[in-house]
Amino acid sequence: MKLTKGERYFLMTLMTVTQKMLDASSAPSGRIGNRPRKRRSRADVALLKKEVRAARRHKVPVKHIADKLGVTPAYIYQLQR
């Protein structure tokens, strides 16, 4: 089976991309930092909610709040409700 010039080019591109993916160090874990996960008590979550709501009233961006508290921005949006 003979390949056309375009097919060979496509295969070389595909090989190059896969090689770059394999050579990449490692995928991010999706977690913030290497800290272990914390389990919070109800009282801690209540205080966290108060802090988040107060910061959001003062128009603080969610990213800044999340960085300050060490949680994800999605968790901030959940606490806001």
Protein backbone atom coordinates (compact mmCIF):
# COMPACT_ATOMS: atom_id res chain seq x y z
CA MET A 1 0.00 0.00 0.00
CA LYS A 2 1.52 3.28 -1.10
CA LEU A 3 0.78 6.48 0.71
CA THR A 4 0.38 9.82 -0.94
CA LYS A 5 2.51 12.77 -0.01
CA GLY A 6 -0.35 14.33 2.00
CA GLU A 7 -0.95 11.08 3.91
CA ARG A 8 2.76 10.77 4.76
CA TYR A 9 2.80 14.36 5.96
CA PHE A 10 -0.27 13.73 8.12
CA LEU A 11 1.29 10.61 9.66
CA MET A 12 4.54 12.45 10.43
CA THR A 13 2.58 15.25 12.09
CA LEU A 14 0.63 12.73 14.12
CA MET A 15 3.83 10.95 15.18
CA THR A 16 5.43 14.25 16.20
CA VAL A 17 2.46 15.27 18.32
CA THR A 18 2.26 11.90 20.08
CA GLN A 19 5.99 11.96 20.77
CA LYS A 20 5.70 15.43 22.33
CA MET A 21 2.85 14.19 24.50
CA LEU A 22 4.91 11.22 25.66
CA ASP A 23 7.94 13.39 26.35
CA ALA A 24 5.93 15.84 28.44
CA SER A 25 6.90 15.62 32.10
CA SER A 26 3.62 14.83 33.77
CA ALA A 27 0.07 16.00 33.65
CA PRO A 28 -1.06 18.30 36.44
CA SER A 29 -2.89 16.51 39.19
CA GLY A 30 -5.78 18.94 39.15
CA ARG A 31 -5.28 19.77 42.80
CA ILE A 32 -4.02 23.01 44.23
CA GLY A 33 -0.45 22.41 45.33
CA ASN A 34 0.71 19.22 46.97
CA ARG A 35 -1.16 19.72 50.19
CA PRO A 36 -3.25 16.88 51.56
CA ARG A 37 -7.00 17.28 51.47
CA LYS A 38 -8.71 18.69 54.52
CA ARG A 39 -12.00 17.71 56.06
CA ARG A 40 -13.74 20.69 57.54
CA SER A 41 -16.18 20.69 60.41
CA ARG A 42 -19.55 22.42 60.12
CA ALA A 43 -18.25 25.34 62.16
CA ASP A 44 -15.24 25.75 59.82
CA VAL A 45 -17.48 25.68 56.76
CA ALA A 46 -19.81 28.24 58.31
CA LEU A 47 -16.86 30.60 58.92
CA LEU A 48 -15.58 29.96 55.41
CA LYS A 49 -19.01 30.82 53.96
CA LYS A 50 -19.11 34.07 55.92
CA GLU A 51 -15.66 35.04 54.64
CA VAL A 52 -16.58 34.21 51.06
CA ARG A 53 -19.86 36.11 51.18
CA ALA A 54 -18.19 39.15 52.74
CA ALA A 55 -15.44 39.14 50.13
CA ARG A 56 -17.93 38.76 47.28
CA ARG A 57 -19.97 41.70 48.66
CA HIS A 58 -16.80 43.78 48.34
CA LYS A 59 -16.41 42.62 44.70
CA VAL A 60 -13.25 40.58 45.33
CA PRO A 61 -12.58 38.21 42.39
CA VAL A 62 -13.22 34.54 43.06
CA LYS A 63 -9.67 33.64 41.98
CA HIS A 64 -8.19 35.83 44.73
CA ILE A 65 -10.52 34.40 47.36
CA ALA A 66 -9.69 30.84 46.31
CA ASP A 67 -5.95 31.50 46.43
CA LYS A 68 -6.23 33.13 49.86
CA LEU A 69 -8.30 30.30 51.35
CA GLY A 70 -6.49 27.48 49.54
CA VAL A 71 -9.54 26.07 47.76
CA THR A 72 -10.71 25.87 44.16
CA PRO A 73 -12.79 28.61 42.53
CA ALA A 74 -15.57 26.06 41.96
CA TYR A 75 -15.75 25.47 45.71
CA ILE A 76 -16.10 29.22 46.24
CA TYR A 77 -19.09 29.27 43.90
CA GLN A 78 -20.64 26.37 45.82
CA LEU A 79 -20.18 28.13 49.13
CA GLN A 80 -21.72 31.29 47.75
CA ARG A 81 -25.15 29.65 47.47
